Structures are given as C-alpha cells and as structure tokens.
Amino acid sequence: MSEPASTTKTFQEGPIYWDGDEGDAMFAIQSGKVKITKNIYGIMVAVADLGPGDYFGYMAFFEGNRRSATALAETPVVVEVYDRKALAAHIAAEPEFAFALLREMSHRLKQIDERVSDLVAKGRLEPEGAAGLRGGIFGGG
C-alpha cells in the first residue's frame, strides 16, 4: 500500500483561505510569500509573513476547527497541501518533519506574543484582551 501523498497547489495573489473557513488541510510553502492576518478587536493585524519552508493553516487543522485567521498570497504561491492521512504518512516516513513543524509552531508563538505585547505597549490593545489572545492565534488558522 503506497503512502498518501500531499498535493501541490498554486495560488495567485489573493486569498488562500478566509477566517471561518473549514480547517481541513495545512500547507507548506514551496515558493512565494503568504501573509497571515487576524482581526483583533477591529484591528487587522498581520500575525505572520511567511515564505518558502514555512508552514501555515495547522492550528485549525490539528484542532478540527474553522480557520481563525486569513491567509493571503502576496505573490504567486506554490504549496504542498496536507490532509490528515497525507500528514500522518509523511510524519511516519520522515519523523524529522514533525520536529520541523513543532519548531515552526514554537517560533510563531514567540512572534505573536511579541506582536501582542507591542500592541499593548502602544495602547492599541487593552492588557485584558491580550491575555486571551496569547497562544490562541499563532497558527494562522
């Protein structure tokens, strides 16, 4: 029995997915640039600027929820698309892939924590609101 493969997909400039869409896949960028944005209390915040080698869409994917952010292709983008079976097979075949994904998640958590802290410091976000955001939006939906 062969391993379920990821699929390759190309997106032109514009939305890859919207906040609220089904989270049935995650993505690995092969080429191009992707911006992850989140509406935080009416302020559109860029939570991540991504490029080749980065992953996105994993939070909703792992949690089985809807997307919590919007992913926009800033340039034409080529991605590997992983559904659950393809990701499980890829991790089984290449365990280092799981560690790379965890490193990405940890890095993204640190970035979003810094951005939320910056919004609080600039008075654009109340500290009480920030407490609920930390750790809740780092995966880009």
C-alpha atoms as a PDB file:
ATOM      1  CA  MET A   1       0.000   0.000   0.000  1.00  0.00           C
ATOM      2  CA  SER A   2       1.503   3.336  -1.002  1.00  0.00           C
ATOM      3  CA  GLU A   3       1.795   6.374   1.253  1.00  0.00           C
ATOM      4  CA  PRO A   4      -0.923   9.011   0.760  1.00  0.00           C
ATOM      5  CA  ALA A   5       0.805  11.931  -0.897  1.00  0.00           C
ATOM      6  CA  SER A   6       0.393  15.599  -0.337  1.00  0.00           C
ATOM      7  CA  THR A   7      -0.785  17.555  -3.330  1.00  0.00           C
ATOM      8  CA  THR A   8       0.849  20.587  -4.861  1.00  0.00           C
ATOM      9  CA  LYS A   9      -1.303  23.625  -5.475  1.00  0.00           C
ATOM     10  CA  THR A  10      -0.628  27.077  -6.878  1.00  0.00           C
ATOM     11  CA  PHE A  11      -2.418  30.226  -5.710  1.00  0.00           C
ATOM     12  CA  GLN A  12      -2.289  33.578  -7.444  1.00  0.00           C
ATOM     13  CA  GLU A  13      -2.214  36.779  -5.408  1.00  0.00           C
ATOM     14  CA  GLY A  14      -5.233  36.924  -3.118  1.00  0.00           C
ATOM     15  CA  PRO A  15      -6.936  34.764  -0.505  1.00  0.00           C
ATOM     16  CA  ILE A  16      -5.869  31.181   0.115  1.00  0.00           C
ATOM     17  CA  TYR A  17      -8.466  30.847   2.866  1.00  0.00           C
ATOM     18  CA  TRP A  18     -10.600  33.144   4.984  1.00  0.00           C
ATOM     19  CA  ASP A  19     -11.148  33.362   8.710  1.00  0.00           C
ATOM     20  CA  GLY A  20     -14.083  30.989   9.359  1.00  0.00           C
ATOM     21  CA  ASP A  21     -13.345  28.532   6.520  1.00  0.00           C
ATOM     22  CA  GLU A  22     -13.084  24.791   7.213  1.00  0.00           C
ATOM     23  CA  GLY A  23      -9.652  23.784   8.518  1.00  0.00           C
ATOM     24  CA  ASP A  24      -9.302  20.510   6.638  1.00  0.00           C
ATOM     25  CA  ALA A  25      -5.723  20.960   5.382  1.00  0.00           C
ATOM     26  CA  MET A  26      -2.391  22.520   6.306  1.00  0.00           C
ATOM     27  CA  PHE A  27       0.179  23.949   3.935  1.00  0.00           C
ATOM     28  CA  ALA A  28       3.946  24.016   3.405  1.00  0.00           C
ATOM     29  CA  ILE A  29       5.208  26.861   1.217  1.00  0.00           C
ATOM     30  CA  GLN A  30       7.423  25.785  -1.662  1.00  0.00           C
ATOM     31  CA  SER A  31       7.704  29.255  -3.250  1.00  0.00           C
ATOM     32  CA  GLY A  32       6.129  32.668  -2.863  1.00  0.00           C
ATOM     33  CA  LYS A  33       5.008  34.820   0.049  1.00  0.00           C
ATOM     34  CA  VAL A  34       1.969  34.440   2.324  1.00  0.00           C
ATOM     35  CA  LYS A  35       0.638  36.916   4.896  1.00  0.00           C
ATOM     36  CA  ILE A  36      -1.500  35.653   7.779  1.00  0.00           C
ATOM     37  CA  THR A  37      -3.879  38.297   9.135  1.00  0.00           C
ATOM     38  CA  LYS A  38      -6.214  38.336  12.100  1.00  0.00           C
ATOM     39  CA  ASN A  39      -8.976  40.745  13.020  1.00  0.00           C
ATOM     40  CA  ILE A  40      -8.249  41.586  16.650  1.00  0.00           C
ATOM     41  CA  TYR A  41     -10.914  43.819  18.165  1.00  0.00           C
ATOM     42  CA  GLY A  42     -11.478  45.538  14.815  1.00  0.00           C
ATOM     43  CA  ILE A  43      -7.782  45.946  14.028  1.00  0.00           C
ATOM     44  CA  MET A  44      -6.406  43.901  11.118  1.00  0.00           C
ATOM     45  CA  VAL A  45      -3.098  42.575  12.411  1.00  0.00           C
ATOM     46  CA  ALA A  46      -0.508  40.811  10.294  1.00  0.00           C
ATOM     47  CA  VAL A  47       0.418  37.904  12.546  1.00  0.00           C
ATOM     48  CA  ALA A  48       2.919  36.289  10.185  1.00  0.00           C
ATOM     49  CA  ASP A  49       4.815  36.971   6.977  1.00  0.00           C
ATOM     50  CA  LEU A  50       5.781  33.604   5.530  1.00  0.00           C
ATOM     51  CA  GLY A  51       7.941  32.277   2.729  1.00  0.00           C
ATOM     52  CA  PRO A  52       9.486  29.075   1.375  1.00  0.00           C
ATOM     53  CA  GLY A  53       9.910  26.397   4.036  1.00  0.00           C
ATOM     54  CA  ASP A  54       7.225  27.839   6.325  1.00  0.00           C
ATOM     55  CA  TYR A  55       4.012  26.057   7.327  1.00  0.00           C
ATOM     56  CA  PHE A  56       0.577  27.543   7.887  1.00  0.00           C
ATOM     57  CA  GLY A  57      -3.014  26.521   8.483  1.00  0.00           C
ATOM     58  CA  TYR A  58      -2.055  23.977  11.097  1.00  0.00           C
ATOM     59  CA  MET A  59      -3.956  25.324  14.086  1.00  0.00           C
ATOM     60  CA  ALA A  60      -7.466  24.731  12.732  1.00  0.00           C
ATOM     61  CA  PHE A  61      -6.205  21.566  11.049  1.00  0.00           C
ATOM     62  CA  PHE A  62      -4.937  19.996  14.287  1.00  0.00           C
ATOM     63  CA  GLU A  63      -7.826  21.235  16.405  1.00  0.00           C
ATOM     64  CA  GLY A  64     -10.502  20.243  13.891  1.00  0.00           C
ATOM     65  CA  ASN A  65     -11.926  23.763  13.941  1.00  0.00           C
ATOM     66  CA  ARG A  66     -12.629  26.505  11.456  1.00  0.00           C
ATOM     67  CA  ARG A  67      -9.854  28.892  10.435  1.00  0.00           C
ATOM     68  CA  SER A  68      -9.126  31.625  12.968  1.00  0.00           C
ATOM     69  CA  ALA A  69      -7.203  33.860  10.557  1.00  0.00           C
ATOM     70  CA  THR A  70      -6.996  34.722   6.861  1.00  0.00           C
ATOM     71  CA  ALA A  71      -4.120  33.574   4.617  1.00  0.00           C
ATOM     72  CA  LEU A  72      -3.321  35.834   1.677  1.00  0.00           C
ATOM     73  CA  ALA A  73      -0.926  35.070  -1.160  1.00  0.00           C
ATOM     74  CA  GLU A  74       1.166  38.216  -1.611  1.00  0.00           C
ATOM     75  CA  THR A  75       2.819  36.752  -4.712  1.00  0.00           C
ATOM     76  CA  PRO A  76       2.005  33.637  -6.716  1.00  0.00           C
ATOM     77  CA  VAL A  77       2.470  30.815  -4.186  1.00  0.00           C
ATOM     78  CA  VAL A  78       3.160  27.105  -4.612  1.00  0.00           C
ATOM     79  CA  VAL A  79       2.283  24.990  -1.580  1.00  0.00           C
ATOM     80  CA  GLU A  80       2.209  21.373  -0.561  1.00  0.00           C
ATOM     81  CA  VAL A  81      -1.280  20.646   0.799  1.00  0.00           C
ATOM     82  CA  TYR A  82      -1.566  18.016   3.528  1.00  0.00           C
ATOM     83  CA  ASP A  83      -4.796  16.375   4.606  1.00  0.00           C
ATOM     84  CA  ARG A  84      -4.767  14.211   7.751  1.00  0.00           C
ATOM     85  CA  LYS A  85      -3.797  10.945   6.053  1.00  0.00           C
ATOM     86  CA  ALA A  86      -1.038  12.559   3.995  1.00  0.00           C
ATOM     87  CA  LEU A  87       0.418  14.331   7.034  1.00  0.00           C
ATOM     88  CA  ALA A  88       0.367  11.186   9.190  1.00  0.00           C
ATOM     89  CA  ALA A  89       2.092   9.221   6.441  1.00  0.00           C
ATOM     90  CA  HIS A  90       4.674  11.965   5.894  1.00  0.00           C
ATOM     91  CA  ILE A  91       5.492  12.116   9.617  1.00  0.00           C
ATOM     92  CA  ALA A  92       5.768   8.311   9.790  1.00  0.00           C
ATOM     93  CA  ALA A  93       8.114   8.290   6.793  1.00  0.00           C
ATOM     94  CA  GLU A  94      10.126  11.332   7.932  1.00  0.00           C
ATOM     95  CA  PRO A  95       9.911  11.891  11.717  1.00  0.00           C
ATOM     96  CA  GLU A  96      12.161  14.967  11.428  1.00  0.00           C
ATOM     97  CA  PHE A  97       9.245  16.669   9.637  1.00  0.00           C
ATOM     98  CA  ALA A  98       7.282  16.617  12.919  1.00  0.00           C
ATOM     99  CA  PHE A  99      10.150  18.362  14.728  1.00  0.00           C
ATOM    100  CA  ALA A 100      10.392  20.982  11.979  1.00  0.00           C
ATOM    101  CA  LEU A 101       6.671  21.630  12.314  1.00  0.00           C
ATOM    102  CA  LEU A 102       6.951  21.929  16.116  1.00  0.00           C
ATOM    103  CA  ARG A 103       9.876  24.364  15.752  1.00  0.00           C
ATOM    104  CA  GLU A 104       7.744  26.458  13.402  1.00  0.00           C
ATOM    105  CA  MET A 105       4.853  26.478  15.893  1.00  0.00           C
ATOM    106  CA  SER A 106       7.153  27.498  18.746  1.00  0.00           C
ATOM    107  CA  HIS A 107       8.697  30.272  16.665  1.00  0.00           C
ATOM    108  CA  ARG A 108       5.263  31.530  15.612  1.00  0.00           C
ATOM    109  CA  LEU A 109       4.053  31.559  19.226  1.00  0.00           C
ATOM    110  CA  LYS A 110       7.022  33.715  20.185  1.00  0.00           C
ATOM    111  CA  GLN A 111       6.335  36.106  17.282  1.00  0.00           C
ATOM    112  CA  ILE A 112       2.662  36.552  18.115  1.00  0.00           C
ATOM    113  CA  ASP A 113       3.459  37.087  21.783  1.00  0.00           C
ATOM    114  CA  GLU A 114       5.858  39.870  20.770  1.00  0.00           C
ATOM    115  CA  ARG A 115       3.270  41.445  18.436  1.00  0.00           C
ATOM    116  CA  VAL A 116       0.517  41.345  21.056  1.00  0.00           C
ATOM    117  CA  SER A 117       2.902  42.865  23.620  1.00  0.00           C
ATOM    118  CA  ASP A 118       3.735  45.607  21.126  1.00  0.00           C
ATOM    119  CA  LEU A 119       0.027  46.385  20.582  1.00  0.00           C
ATOM    120  CA  VAL A 120      -0.486  46.628  24.350  1.00  0.00           C
ATOM    121  CA  ALA A 121       2.583  48.862  24.738  1.00  0.00           C
ATOM    122  CA  LYS A 122       1.292  51.182  22.005  1.00  0.00           C
ATOM    123  CA  GLY A 123      -2.123  51.352  23.649  1.00  0.00           C
ATOM    124  CA  ARG A 124      -3.898  49.722  20.690  1.00  0.00           C
ATOM    125  CA  LEU A 125      -4.957  46.692  22.735  1.00  0.00           C
ATOM    126  CA  GLU A 126      -6.036  46.513  26.367  1.00  0.00           C
ATOM    127  CA  PRO A 127      -3.984  44.147  28.563  1.00  0.00           C
ATOM    128  CA  GLU A 128      -7.132  42.204  29.490  1.00  0.00           C
ATOM    129  CA  GLY A 129      -7.817  41.454  25.816  1.00  0.00           C
ATOM    130  CA  ALA A 130      -4.207  40.496  25.188  1.00  0.00           C
ATOM    131  CA  ALA A 131      -4.291  37.809  27.877  1.00  0.00           C
ATOM    132  CA  GLY A 132      -6.889  35.852  25.908  1.00  0.00           C
ATOM    133  CA  LEU A 133      -5.003  36.177  22.629  1.00  0.00           C
ATOM    134  CA  ARG A 134      -1.587  34.896  23.588  1.00  0.00           C
ATOM    135  CA  GLY A 135      -1.245  31.381  22.243  1.00  0.00           C
ATOM    136  CA  GLY A 136      -4.670  31.486  20.634  1.00  0.00           C
ATOM    137  CA  ILE A 137      -3.806  32.788  17.186  1.00  0.00           C
ATOM    138  CA  PHE A 138      -0.231  31.759  16.460  1.00  0.00           C
ATOM    139  CA  GLY A 139      -1.108  29.062  13.941  1.00  0.00           C
ATOM    140  CA  GLY A 140      -2.734  31.163  11.418  1.00  0.00           C
ATOM    141  CA  GLY A 141      -5.850  29.104  11.415  1.00  0.00           C
END
